[in-house]
N, C-alpha and C. Protein backbone atom coordinates (compact mmCIF):
# COMPACT_ATOMS: atom_id res chain seq x y z
N MET A 1 123.25 -46.57 114.40
CA MET A 1 122.77 -47.87 114.96
C MET A 1 123.73 -48.68 114.57
N ALA A 2 123.92 -49.91 115.30
CA ALA A 2 124.85 -50.90 115.05
C ALA A 2 124.28 -51.64 113.94
N ARG A 3 125.12 -52.31 112.95
CA ARG A 3 124.28 -53.22 112.01
C ARG A 3 124.09 -54.67 112.37
N VAL A 4 124.73 -55.02 113.47
CA VAL A 4 124.77 -56.23 114.06
C VAL A 4 124.98 -56.39 115.63
N ALA A 5 123.81 -57.04 116.58
CA ALA A 5 124.18 -57.53 117.54
C ALA A 5 124.54 -58.98 117.68
N GLY A 6 125.00 -59.12 119.13
CA GLY A 6 125.53 -60.10 119.39
C GLY A 6 125.55 -60.50 120.72
N GLY A 7 126.12 -61.88 120.94
CA GLY A 7 126.16 -62.20 122.58
C GLY A 7 126.44 -63.55 122.44
N GLY A 8 126.89 -64.05 123.48
CA GLY A 8 127.44 -65.80 123.65
C GLY A 8 127.47 -65.91 125.27
N VAL A 9 127.97 -67.39 125.18
CA VAL A 9 128.31 -67.70 126.69
C VAL A 9 129.87 -68.26 126.23
N GLN A 10 130.40 -68.50 127.59
CA GLN A 10 131.64 -68.79 127.87
C GLN A 10 131.80 -69.83 129.04
N PRO A 11 131.84 -71.09 128.82
CA PRO A 11 132.23 -71.96 130.19
C PRO A 11 133.34 -71.60 130.70
N ARG A 12 133.55 -71.94 131.82
CA ARG A 12 134.84 -71.57 132.71
C ARG A 12 135.26 -72.94 133.33
N GLY A 13 136.51 -73.13 133.74
CA GLY A 13 136.61 -74.29 134.60
C GLY A 13 136.32 -74.35 136.08
N PRO A 14 135.91 -75.22 136.88
CA PRO A 14 135.47 -75.07 138.16
C PRO A 14 136.96 -74.85 139.29
N PRO A 15 137.12 -73.32 139.46
CA PRO A 15 138.00 -73.05 140.98
C PRO A 15 137.23 -73.64 142.00
N PRO A 16 137.81 -73.81 143.37
CA PRO A 16 137.29 -73.59 144.37
C PRO A 16 136.40 -72.29 144.80
N GLY A 17 135.41 -72.21 145.44
CA GLY A 17 134.54 -71.18 145.84
C GLY A 17 133.85 -70.67 144.83
N PRO A 18 133.19 -69.68 145.01
CA PRO A 18 132.29 -68.75 143.71
C PRO A 18 132.92 -68.91 142.29
N LYS A 19 132.19 -69.03 141.49
CA LYS A 19 132.77 -69.19 140.02
C LYS A 19 131.91 -68.73 139.11
N GLN A 20 132.30 -68.48 137.61
CA GLN A 20 131.61 -68.10 136.69
C GLN A 20 131.11 -69.29 136.32
N GLN A 21 129.53 -69.25 135.83
CA GLN A 21 128.82 -70.36 135.57
C GLN A 21 127.91 -70.01 134.19
N SER A 22 127.73 -70.59 133.11
CA SER A 22 127.22 -70.39 131.82
C SER A 22 125.49 -70.65 132.05
N ALA A 23 124.95 -70.02 131.27
CA ALA A 23 123.65 -70.18 131.01
C ALA A 23 122.99 -71.45 130.31
N GLY A 24 123.78 -72.22 129.82
CA GLY A 24 123.42 -73.35 128.91
C GLY A 24 124.83 -73.95 128.39
N LYS A 25 124.75 -75.28 128.46
CA LYS A 25 125.99 -75.93 128.37
C LYS A 25 125.86 -76.74 126.63
N THR A 26 126.23 -75.78 125.75
CA THR A 26 126.32 -76.40 124.32
C THR A 26 127.94 -76.38 123.61
N GLY A 27 128.56 -75.69 124.60
CA GLY A 27 129.88 -75.35 124.31
C GLY A 27 130.05 -74.00 123.92
N GLN A 28 131.27 -73.92 123.21
CA GLN A 28 131.06 -72.24 123.00
C GLN A 28 130.36 -71.75 122.21
N GLY A 29 129.53 -70.54 122.04
CA GLY A 29 128.78 -69.93 121.22
C GLY A 29 128.49 -68.84 121.28
N GLY A 30 127.07 -68.19 120.43
CA GLY A 30 126.82 -67.08 120.33
C GLY A 30 125.81 -67.27 119.36
N PHE A 31 125.42 -65.56 119.32
CA PHE A 31 124.88 -65.36 117.82
C PHE A 31 125.00 -63.91 117.48
N LEU A 32 124.65 -63.70 116.26
CA LEU A 32 124.34 -62.65 115.65
C LEU A 32 123.22 -62.00 115.25
N ILE A 33 122.98 -61.07 114.94
CA ILE A 33 121.33 -60.75 114.67
C ILE A 33 121.48 -59.11 113.40
N THR A 34 121.06 -59.27 112.80
CA THR A 34 121.20 -58.09 111.68
C THR A 34 119.96 -57.96 110.78
N ARG A 35 119.49 -56.99 110.29
CA ARG A 35 118.50 -56.64 109.28
C ARG A 35 119.33 -56.31 108.09
N ASP A 36 120.56 -55.94 107.99
CA ASP A 36 121.30 -55.66 106.76
C ASP A 36 121.44 -57.00 105.70
N GLU A 37 120.62 -56.94 104.71
CA GLU A 37 121.30 -57.87 103.77
C GLU A 37 122.74 -58.23 103.32
N GLU A 38 123.24 -57.09 103.24
CA GLU A 38 124.86 -57.28 102.87
C GLU A 38 125.64 -57.95 104.11
N THR A 39 125.21 -57.41 105.38
CA THR A 39 125.96 -57.94 106.40
C THR A 39 125.28 -59.33 106.82
N TYR A 40 124.65 -59.74 106.63
CA TYR A 40 123.87 -61.01 106.44
C TYR A 40 124.62 -61.99 105.63
N GLU A 41 125.01 -61.51 104.25
CA GLU A 41 125.57 -62.31 103.29
C GLU A 41 127.06 -62.52 103.60
N LYS A 42 127.73 -61.71 104.29
CA LYS A 42 129.26 -61.61 105.01
C LYS A 42 129.16 -62.80 105.89
N LEU A 43 128.30 -62.62 106.56
CA LEU A 43 128.44 -63.29 108.18
C LEU A 43 128.40 -64.69 107.69
N LYS A 44 127.17 -64.95 106.51
CA LYS A 44 127.16 -66.43 105.81
C LYS A 44 128.47 -66.85 105.47
N LEU A 45 129.28 -66.04 104.83
CA LEU A 45 130.56 -66.91 104.27
C LEU A 45 131.65 -66.65 105.43
N ILE A 46 131.61 -65.81 106.53
CA ILE A 46 132.34 -66.12 107.50
C ILE A 46 132.10 -67.38 108.11
N ARG A 47 130.91 -67.78 108.18
CA ARG A 47 130.70 -68.48 109.19
C ARG A 47 130.68 -70.20 108.26
N ASN A 48 131.22 -70.11 107.10
CA ASN A 48 131.39 -71.25 106.13
C ASN A 48 132.59 -71.18 105.36
N HIS A 49 133.53 -70.66 106.24
CA HIS A 49 135.05 -70.81 105.65
C HIS A 49 135.53 -70.21 104.56
N GLY A 50 134.39 -68.93 104.76
CA GLY A 50 134.43 -67.96 103.35
C GLY A 50 134.31 -68.43 102.33
N THR A 51 133.35 -69.57 101.94
CA THR A 51 133.00 -69.89 100.79
C THR A 51 131.44 -69.94 100.69
N VAL A 52 131.00 -70.05 99.74
CA VAL A 52 129.55 -69.79 99.38
C VAL A 52 128.70 -71.23 99.19
N SER A 53 129.60 -72.13 98.95
CA SER A 53 128.99 -73.62 98.70
C SER A 53 130.22 -74.46 99.51
N ASN A 54 130.00 -75.59 99.90
CA ASN A 54 130.82 -76.47 100.33
C ASN A 54 131.42 -77.47 99.19
N ILE A 55 130.27 -77.45 98.48
CA ILE A 55 130.45 -78.45 97.09
C ILE A 55 131.29 -77.92 96.00
N ASN A 56 130.96 -76.76 95.92
CA ASN A 56 132.00 -76.17 94.90
C ASN A 56 132.66 -74.97 95.29
N ALA A 57 133.59 -75.38 96.25
CA ALA A 57 134.39 -74.11 97.49
C ALA A 57 135.17 -73.19 96.61
N LEU A 58 134.71 -72.12 96.53
CA LEU A 58 135.58 -71.00 96.13
C LEU A 58 135.98 -70.10 97.38
N TYR A 59 137.12 -69.92 97.66
CA TYR A 59 137.41 -69.00 98.96
C TYR A 59 137.07 -67.65 98.51
N THR A 60 136.20 -66.73 99.19
CA THR A 60 136.08 -65.40 98.73
C THR A 60 136.65 -64.49 99.78
N GLN A 61 136.89 -64.85 100.90
CA GLN A 61 137.50 -64.19 101.95
C GLN A 61 137.66 -65.12 102.96
N LEU A 62 138.12 -64.64 104.35
CA LEU A 62 138.54 -65.37 105.35
C LEU A 62 137.40 -65.76 106.03
N GLY A 63 137.13 -67.05 106.42
CA GLY A 63 136.29 -67.44 107.08
C GLY A 63 136.56 -68.83 108.13
N PHE A 64 135.65 -69.29 108.50
CA PHE A 64 135.68 -70.07 109.99
C PHE A 64 134.75 -71.52 109.48
N ASN A 65 134.78 -72.53 110.66
CA ASN A 65 133.48 -73.39 110.76
C ASN A 65 132.51 -72.94 111.95
N PHE A 66 132.05 -72.07 111.78
CA PHE A 66 131.01 -71.56 112.88
C PHE A 66 129.71 -72.25 112.64
N LYS A 67 129.87 -73.58 112.23
CA LYS A 67 128.13 -74.43 112.60
C LYS A 67 128.03 -74.79 113.52
N PHE A 68 126.67 -74.85 114.26
CA PHE A 68 126.33 -75.49 115.03
C PHE A 68 125.84 -76.98 114.79
N THR A 69 126.57 -77.94 115.53
CA THR A 69 126.13 -79.00 115.00
C THR A 69 124.83 -79.45 115.79
N ASP A 70 124.08 -80.92 115.32
CA ASP A 70 122.84 -81.16 115.53
C ASP A 70 122.92 -81.65 117.10
N ILE A 71 124.09 -82.46 117.28
CA ILE A 71 124.38 -82.54 118.68
C ILE A 71 124.24 -81.52 119.80
N GLN A 72 124.89 -80.49 119.73
CA GLN A 72 124.90 -78.99 120.37
C GLN A 72 123.59 -78.70 120.49
N ALA A 73 122.86 -78.27 119.27
CA ALA A 73 121.39 -78.14 119.41
C ALA A 73 120.41 -78.92 120.17
N SER A 74 120.70 -80.36 120.10
CA SER A 74 119.81 -81.18 121.11
C SER A 74 120.34 -81.06 122.60
N ILE A 75 121.46 -80.91 123.27
CA ILE A 75 121.81 -80.64 124.31
C ILE A 75 120.93 -79.27 124.80
N GLY A 76 121.27 -78.11 123.81
CA GLY A 76 120.69 -76.87 124.05
C GLY A 76 119.17 -76.91 124.36
N ILE A 77 118.31 -77.57 123.36
CA ILE A 77 117.00 -77.71 123.26
C ILE A 77 116.64 -78.59 125.16
N ALA A 78 117.15 -79.35 125.33
CA ALA A 78 117.02 -80.39 126.19
C ALA A 78 117.03 -79.21 127.32
N GLN A 79 117.87 -78.43 127.54
CA GLN A 79 118.24 -77.34 128.60
C GLN A 79 117.22 -76.62 128.98
N PHE A 80 116.17 -76.07 127.59
CA PHE A 80 114.90 -75.17 127.66
C PHE A 80 114.11 -75.72 129.04
N VAL A 81 113.77 -76.68 129.14
CA VAL A 81 112.81 -77.29 129.95
C VAL A 81 113.17 -76.37 131.13
N ARG A 82 113.95 -76.00 131.95
CA ARG A 82 114.54 -75.37 132.78
C ARG A 82 114.58 -74.03 132.88
N ARG A 83 113.94 -73.47 131.86
CA ARG A 83 114.62 -72.06 131.18
C ARG A 83 113.87 -71.16 132.43
N ASN A 84 112.82 -71.17 132.61
CA ASN A 84 112.12 -70.17 133.43
C ASN A 84 112.77 -70.11 134.81
N GLU A 85 112.77 -71.03 135.26
CA GLU A 85 113.85 -71.83 136.85
C GLU A 85 115.00 -70.91 136.56
N LYS A 86 116.02 -71.01 135.37
CA LYS A 86 117.09 -70.54 135.25
C LYS A 86 117.24 -68.94 135.55
N ILE A 87 115.95 -68.65 134.46
CA ILE A 87 115.76 -67.03 134.20
C ILE A 87 115.67 -66.33 135.99
N SER A 88 114.81 -67.10 136.62
CA SER A 88 114.39 -66.57 137.73
C SER A 88 115.63 -66.62 138.58
N HIS A 89 116.24 -67.67 138.69
CA HIS A 89 117.51 -67.65 139.42
C HIS A 89 118.42 -66.76 139.19
N VAL A 90 118.91 -66.31 138.04
CA VAL A 90 119.63 -65.31 137.33
C VAL A 90 119.47 -63.93 137.97
N ARG A 91 118.02 -63.78 137.85
CA ARG A 91 117.62 -62.22 138.28
C ARG A 91 117.44 -62.26 139.71
N LYS A 92 117.50 -63.32 140.63
CA LYS A 92 117.65 -63.28 142.04
C LYS A 92 119.37 -62.63 142.44
N VAL A 93 120.16 -63.74 141.60
CA VAL A 93 121.52 -63.17 141.70
C VAL A 93 121.85 -61.76 141.68
N TYR A 94 121.41 -61.45 140.44
CA TYR A 94 121.67 -60.05 140.21
C TYR A 94 121.14 -58.91 141.22
N ASP A 95 119.94 -59.18 141.51
CA ASP A 95 119.34 -58.46 142.30
C ASP A 95 120.14 -58.61 143.60
N LEU A 96 120.37 -59.76 144.03
CA LEU A 96 121.31 -59.85 145.63
C LEU A 96 122.53 -59.18 145.42
N TYR A 97 123.11 -58.89 144.25
CA TYR A 97 124.56 -58.31 143.89
C TYR A 97 124.05 -56.62 144.17
N ARG A 98 122.77 -56.29 143.54
CA ARG A 98 122.67 -55.05 143.12
C ARG A 98 122.18 -54.25 144.62
N GLN A 99 121.61 -54.86 145.33
CA GLN A 99 121.34 -54.49 146.90
C GLN A 99 122.69 -54.65 147.98
N GLY A 100 123.19 -55.83 147.49
CA GLY A 100 124.28 -55.73 148.41
C GLY A 100 125.44 -54.93 148.11
N ILE A 101 125.83 -54.45 147.33
CA ILE A 101 127.08 -53.46 146.55
C ILE A 101 126.83 -52.11 146.60
N GLU A 102 125.54 -51.86 146.88
CA GLU A 102 125.17 -50.67 146.73
C GLU A 102 125.66 -49.47 147.33
N GLY A 103 126.11 -48.64 146.92
CA GLY A 103 127.06 -47.72 147.61
C GLY A 103 128.50 -47.69 147.62
N LEU A 104 128.94 -48.89 147.28
CA LEU A 104 130.53 -49.20 147.36
C LEU A 104 131.06 -48.30 146.25
N GLU A 105 132.11 -47.54 146.52
CA GLU A 105 132.81 -46.36 145.65
C GLU A 105 133.77 -47.53 144.86
N HIS A 106 134.30 -48.66 145.07
CA HIS A 106 135.39 -49.09 144.19
C HIS A 106 134.55 -50.21 143.03
N ILE A 107 133.32 -50.44 143.15
CA ILE A 107 132.69 -51.38 142.32
C ILE A 107 131.33 -50.84 141.92
N LYS A 108 130.99 -51.03 140.93
CA LYS A 108 129.72 -50.61 140.33
C LYS A 108 129.16 -51.56 138.95
N LEU A 109 127.89 -52.03 139.61
CA LEU A 109 127.15 -53.13 138.26
C LEU A 109 126.66 -52.14 137.38
N PHE A 110 126.58 -53.06 136.13
CA PHE A 110 126.33 -52.36 134.98
C PHE A 110 124.42 -52.42 135.40
N PRO A 111 124.14 -51.86 134.66
CA PRO A 111 122.24 -51.93 135.19
C PRO A 111 121.62 -52.78 134.22
N VAL A 112 120.86 -53.59 134.68
CA VAL A 112 119.86 -54.54 133.85
C VAL A 112 118.70 -54.09 134.65
N ASN A 113 117.50 -53.72 133.45
CA ASN A 113 116.52 -53.86 133.96
C ASN A 113 115.52 -54.75 133.66
N ILE A 114 115.59 -55.08 134.92
CA ILE A 114 114.64 -56.82 135.09
C ILE A 114 113.39 -56.64 135.00
N ARG A 115 112.81 -55.51 135.23
CA ARG A 115 111.36 -55.17 134.87
C ARG A 115 111.00 -55.02 133.62
N LYS A 116 111.75 -54.52 132.98
CA LYS A 116 111.20 -54.59 131.29
C LYS A 116 111.94 -55.98 130.63
N GLY A 117 112.29 -57.19 131.45
CA GLY A 117 112.09 -58.12 130.69
C GLY A 117 113.70 -58.54 130.44
N GLU A 118 114.57 -57.64 130.55
CA GLU A 118 116.01 -57.95 130.70
C GLU A 118 116.69 -59.05 131.51
N ILE A 119 117.27 -59.84 131.11
CA ILE A 119 118.13 -61.00 131.85
C ILE A 119 119.67 -61.08 131.78
N PRO A 120 119.64 -60.93 132.90
CA PRO A 120 121.31 -60.82 133.53
C PRO A 120 121.93 -62.29 133.44
N LEU A 121 122.25 -62.56 132.30
CA LEU A 121 123.35 -63.50 132.20
C LEU A 121 124.60 -63.91 132.66
N TYR A 122 125.10 -62.58 132.99
CA TYR A 122 126.45 -62.31 133.40
C TYR A 122 126.03 -61.14 134.48
N THR A 123 127.09 -61.13 135.38
CA THR A 123 127.06 -60.21 136.30
C THR A 123 127.98 -59.42 136.31
N GLU A 124 128.00 -58.36 135.49
CA GLU A 124 129.25 -57.31 134.90
C GLU A 124 129.30 -56.23 135.82
N ALA A 125 130.36 -55.76 135.92
CA ALA A 125 130.52 -54.57 136.73
C ALA A 125 132.17 -54.01 136.21
N LEU A 126 132.14 -52.37 136.51
CA LEU A 126 133.46 -51.79 136.39
C LEU A 126 133.47 -51.52 137.89
N SER A 127 135.23 -51.51 137.80
CA SER A 127 136.09 -51.41 139.20
C SER A 127 137.06 -50.51 138.80
N HIS A 128 137.27 -49.60 139.29
CA HIS A 128 138.84 -48.46 138.67
C HIS A 128 139.83 -49.12 139.83
N LYS A 129 139.91 -50.09 140.49
CA LYS A 129 140.94 -50.85 141.28
C LYS A 129 140.30 -52.40 140.76
N ARG A 130 140.54 -52.75 139.59
CA ARG A 130 140.25 -54.02 138.98
C ARG A 130 141.11 -55.02 139.47
N LYS A 131 142.59 -54.71 139.11
CA LYS A 131 143.56 -55.73 139.25
C LYS A 131 143.64 -56.07 140.91
N ALA A 132 143.76 -55.22 141.63
CA ALA A 132 143.69 -55.08 143.32
C ALA A 132 142.73 -55.84 144.02
N LEU A 133 141.41 -55.41 143.05
CA LEU A 133 140.10 -56.26 143.69
C LEU A 133 140.15 -57.84 143.24
N MET A 134 140.62 -58.18 141.81
CA MET A 134 140.22 -59.41 141.46
C MET A 134 141.29 -60.11 142.59
N GLU A 135 142.44 -59.57 142.54
CA GLU A 135 143.33 -60.50 143.41
C GLU A 135 143.08 -60.53 144.79
N TYR A 136 142.38 -59.74 145.62
CA TYR A 136 141.90 -59.93 146.79
C TYR A 136 140.83 -60.78 146.83
N LEU A 137 140.03 -61.15 145.87
CA LEU A 137 138.93 -61.95 145.77
C LEU A 137 139.56 -63.23 145.48
N ALA A 138 140.63 -63.49 144.49
CA ALA A 138 141.20 -64.85 144.31
C ALA A 138 141.93 -65.36 145.55
N ALA A 139 142.46 -64.36 146.14
CA ALA A 139 142.97 -65.15 147.81
C ALA A 139 141.87 -65.54 148.26
N ARG A 140 140.70 -65.03 148.24
CA ARG A 140 139.68 -65.86 149.30
C ARG A 140 139.06 -66.98 148.49
N GLY A 141 139.28 -67.42 147.20
CA GLY A 141 138.76 -68.58 146.67
C GLY A 141 137.78 -68.30 145.58
N ILE A 142 137.82 -66.62 145.45
CA ILE A 142 136.67 -66.38 144.49
C ILE A 142 137.27 -66.01 142.85
N GLN A 143 136.56 -66.71 142.18
CA GLN A 143 136.83 -66.36 140.66
C GLN A 143 136.27 -65.14 139.98
N THR A 144 137.00 -64.16 139.76
CA THR A 144 136.40 -63.34 138.84
C THR A 144 137.19 -63.31 137.14
N ARG A 145 136.73 -62.63 136.27
CA ARG A 145 137.37 -62.82 135.35
C ARG A 145 137.43 -61.35 134.43
N PRO A 146 138.44 -60.94 134.09
CA PRO A 146 138.52 -59.45 133.31
C PRO A 146 137.40 -59.57 131.98
N PHE A 147 137.11 -58.47 131.55
CA PHE A 147 136.35 -58.05 130.33
C PHE A 147 137.75 -58.47 129.21
N LEU A 148 137.25 -58.95 128.07
CA LEU A 148 137.99 -59.13 126.84
C LEU A 148 138.85 -57.90 126.39
N PRO A 149 139.86 -57.62 126.01
CA PRO A 149 140.31 -56.32 125.53
C PRO A 149 139.32 -55.90 124.51
N SER A 150 139.27 -54.51 124.23
CA SER A 150 138.70 -53.78 123.11
C SER A 150 139.34 -54.50 121.60
N LEU A 151 138.23 -54.68 120.60
CA LEU A 151 138.59 -55.22 119.51
C LEU A 151 140.04 -54.54 118.57
N GLU A 152 139.81 -52.97 118.83
CA GLU A 152 140.55 -52.51 118.30
C GLU A 152 142.08 -52.71 118.55
N SER A 153 142.12 -53.35 119.73
CA SER A 153 143.74 -53.82 120.13
C SER A 153 144.24 -54.97 119.83
N ALA A 154 142.97 -55.77 118.60
CA ALA A 154 144.04 -56.73 118.02
C ALA A 154 144.63 -56.18 116.67
N HIS A 155 145.98 -56.65 116.66
CA HIS A 155 146.93 -56.41 115.37
C HIS A 155 146.10 -56.40 113.90
N TYR A 156 145.38 -57.47 114.05
CA TYR A 156 144.66 -57.60 112.78
C TYR A 156 143.34 -56.69 112.25
N ILE A 157 143.05 -56.03 113.39
CA ILE A 157 141.68 -55.16 113.33
C ILE A 157 142.09 -53.73 113.22
N GLY A 158 143.02 -53.63 114.39
CA GLY A 158 143.36 -52.19 114.76
C GLY A 158 144.09 -51.58 113.66
N ASP A 159 143.68 -49.89 113.56
CA ASP A 159 144.28 -49.21 112.46
C ASP A 159 144.98 -47.85 113.18
N GLY A 160 145.06 -48.19 114.67
CA GLY A 160 145.72 -46.98 115.59
C GLY A 160 144.71 -46.22 116.03
N GLN A 161 143.42 -46.09 115.52
CA GLN A 161 142.31 -45.30 116.16
C GLN A 161 142.39 -45.37 117.81
N LYS A 162 141.95 -44.74 118.46
CA LYS A 162 141.67 -44.69 120.16
C LYS A 162 140.20 -44.56 120.20
N PHE A 163 139.76 -45.69 121.15
CA PHE A 163 138.17 -45.59 121.14
C PHE A 163 138.34 -45.63 123.04
N PRO A 164 138.48 -44.36 123.47
CA PRO A 164 138.57 -44.06 125.05
C PRO A 164 137.42 -44.78 125.79
N ASN A 165 136.23 -44.77 125.14
CA ASN A 165 135.47 -45.63 125.83
C ASN A 165 135.06 -47.02 125.84
N SER A 166 135.84 -47.47 124.97
CA SER A 166 136.18 -48.84 125.20
C SER A 166 137.33 -49.36 126.08
N ASP A 167 138.25 -48.09 126.18
CA ASP A 167 139.16 -48.41 127.04
C ASP A 167 138.81 -48.49 128.54
N VAL A 168 137.70 -47.89 128.89
CA VAL A 168 136.96 -48.06 129.98
C VAL A 168 136.63 -49.45 130.87
N PHE A 169 136.03 -50.25 129.53
CA PHE A 169 135.55 -51.34 129.74
C PHE A 169 136.74 -52.57 129.88
N THR A 170 137.93 -51.93 128.89
CA THR A 170 138.74 -53.03 128.72
C THR A 170 139.61 -53.15 129.84
N ASN A 171 139.56 -51.97 130.65
CA ASN A 171 140.39 -51.77 131.73
C ASN A 171 139.96 -51.79 133.12
N ASN A 172 138.72 -51.79 133.25
CA ASN A 172 137.96 -51.76 134.35
C ASN A 172 136.97 -52.84 134.68
N GLY A 173 136.15 -53.38 133.37
CA GLY A 173 135.25 -54.35 133.49
C GLY A 173 136.01 -55.87 134.00
N LEU A 174 134.71 -56.39 134.54
CA LEU A 174 135.04 -57.78 135.23
C LEU A 174 133.84 -58.34 135.43
N PHE A 175 133.59 -59.62 135.30
CA PHE A 175 132.75 -60.50 135.78
C PHE A 175 132.53 -60.84 137.04
N LEU A 176 131.37 -60.94 137.85
CA LEU A 176 131.30 -61.57 139.20
C LEU A 176 131.02 -63.15 139.06
N PRO A 177 131.06 -63.84 140.34
CA PRO A 177 130.42 -65.14 139.91
C PRO A 177 129.04 -65.12 139.76
N CYS A 178 128.43 -65.86 138.82
CA CYS A 178 127.06 -65.49 138.74
C CYS A 178 126.70 -66.95 137.90
N GLY A 179 125.34 -67.14 137.32
CA GLY A 179 125.04 -68.22 136.74
C GLY A 179 123.68 -68.74 137.35
N PRO A 180 123.10 -69.63 136.53
CA PRO A 180 122.07 -70.39 137.06
C PRO A 180 122.11 -71.39 138.29
N SER A 181 123.19 -71.85 138.15
CA SER A 181 123.80 -72.75 139.20
C SER A 181 124.00 -72.16 140.48
N GLN A 182 124.79 -70.92 140.34
CA GLN A 182 125.45 -70.38 141.43
C GLN A 182 124.11 -70.25 142.40
N SER A 183 124.78 -70.75 143.91
CA SER A 183 124.07 -70.58 144.77
C SER A 183 124.05 -68.75 145.55
N LEU A 184 123.03 -68.99 145.99
CA LEU A 184 122.70 -67.33 146.63
C LEU A 184 123.73 -67.16 148.10
N GLU A 185 124.10 -68.55 148.36
CA GLU A 185 125.34 -68.30 149.73
C GLU A 185 126.20 -67.94 148.97
N ASN A 186 126.91 -68.57 147.65
CA ASN A 186 128.06 -68.09 146.86
C ASN A 186 127.67 -66.79 146.83
N VAL A 187 126.84 -66.10 146.49
CA VAL A 187 126.98 -64.74 145.81
C VAL A 187 126.86 -63.90 147.00
N GLN A 188 126.54 -64.15 148.48
CA GLN A 188 126.22 -63.59 149.79
C GLN A 188 128.23 -63.42 150.21
N THR A 189 128.89 -64.60 150.00
CA THR A 189 130.23 -64.88 150.01
C THR A 189 130.99 -63.30 149.54
N VAL A 190 130.56 -63.63 148.05
CA VAL A 190 131.48 -62.52 147.28
C VAL A 190 130.79 -61.47 147.64
N ILE A 191 129.68 -60.65 147.88
CA ILE A 191 129.12 -59.53 148.56
C ILE A 191 130.19 -59.30 149.69
N ASP A 192 130.17 -60.02 150.68
CA ASP A 192 131.09 -60.07 151.90
C ASP A 192 132.33 -59.70 151.55
N ALA A 193 132.90 -60.39 150.66
CA ALA A 193 134.12 -59.86 150.48
C ALA A 193 134.26 -58.56 149.82
N LEU A 194 133.44 -58.16 148.71
CA LEU A 194 133.44 -56.91 148.14
C LEU A 194 133.47 -55.78 149.19
N LYS A 195 132.63 -55.82 150.16
CA LYS A 195 132.25 -54.74 151.25
C LYS A 195 133.66 -54.81 152.35
N SER A 196 134.42 -56.22 152.47
CA SER A 196 135.53 -55.64 153.28
C SER A 196 136.78 -55.24 152.42
N PHE A 197 136.76 -55.36 150.90
CA PHE A 197 137.79 -54.86 150.06
C PHE A 197 138.21 -53.41 150.57
N LYS A 198 139.37 -52.88 151.04
CA LYS A 198 139.79 -51.32 151.01
C LYS A 198 140.75 -51.07 150.06
């Protein structure tokens, strides 16, 4: 079992046509959850420049300034007013994709169990023809983006080990246009383009 679970949102600039959209606008952000006390203490250090205290700062390890400001929190809290509407819409977006591209060989959605309460903040997919598919969609004004590379590929983390399961996602994963502000008409445009891809 993993010692830490996490997630986040990453806003994108607006190109023409269907695009990525975040669930909330508070800037770059995310979260980590752990029950492991040692991991929790290390995360606190990383979050605070690698120091235990800002008053008597002594660097104990590499760290950054990952503190969420009051202004960012206020913006986020104000958006909670529409959370049920946003959740309902991203579920509709996901379900429209699921039904619309079912049976296509060149793309498969990540399963999201909406009946058990899962919320598809992103519409994530795998395609063994990712590069060609992304170029095809881009030529039609549809923005997609690939998954980030696997962490072991970072020179400061990797030690030469291979993780073939991670490579599948690095090489084939992509995000389809989605989000709580994404119109269902845009989603249908993407589905039509996915169906016409050869």
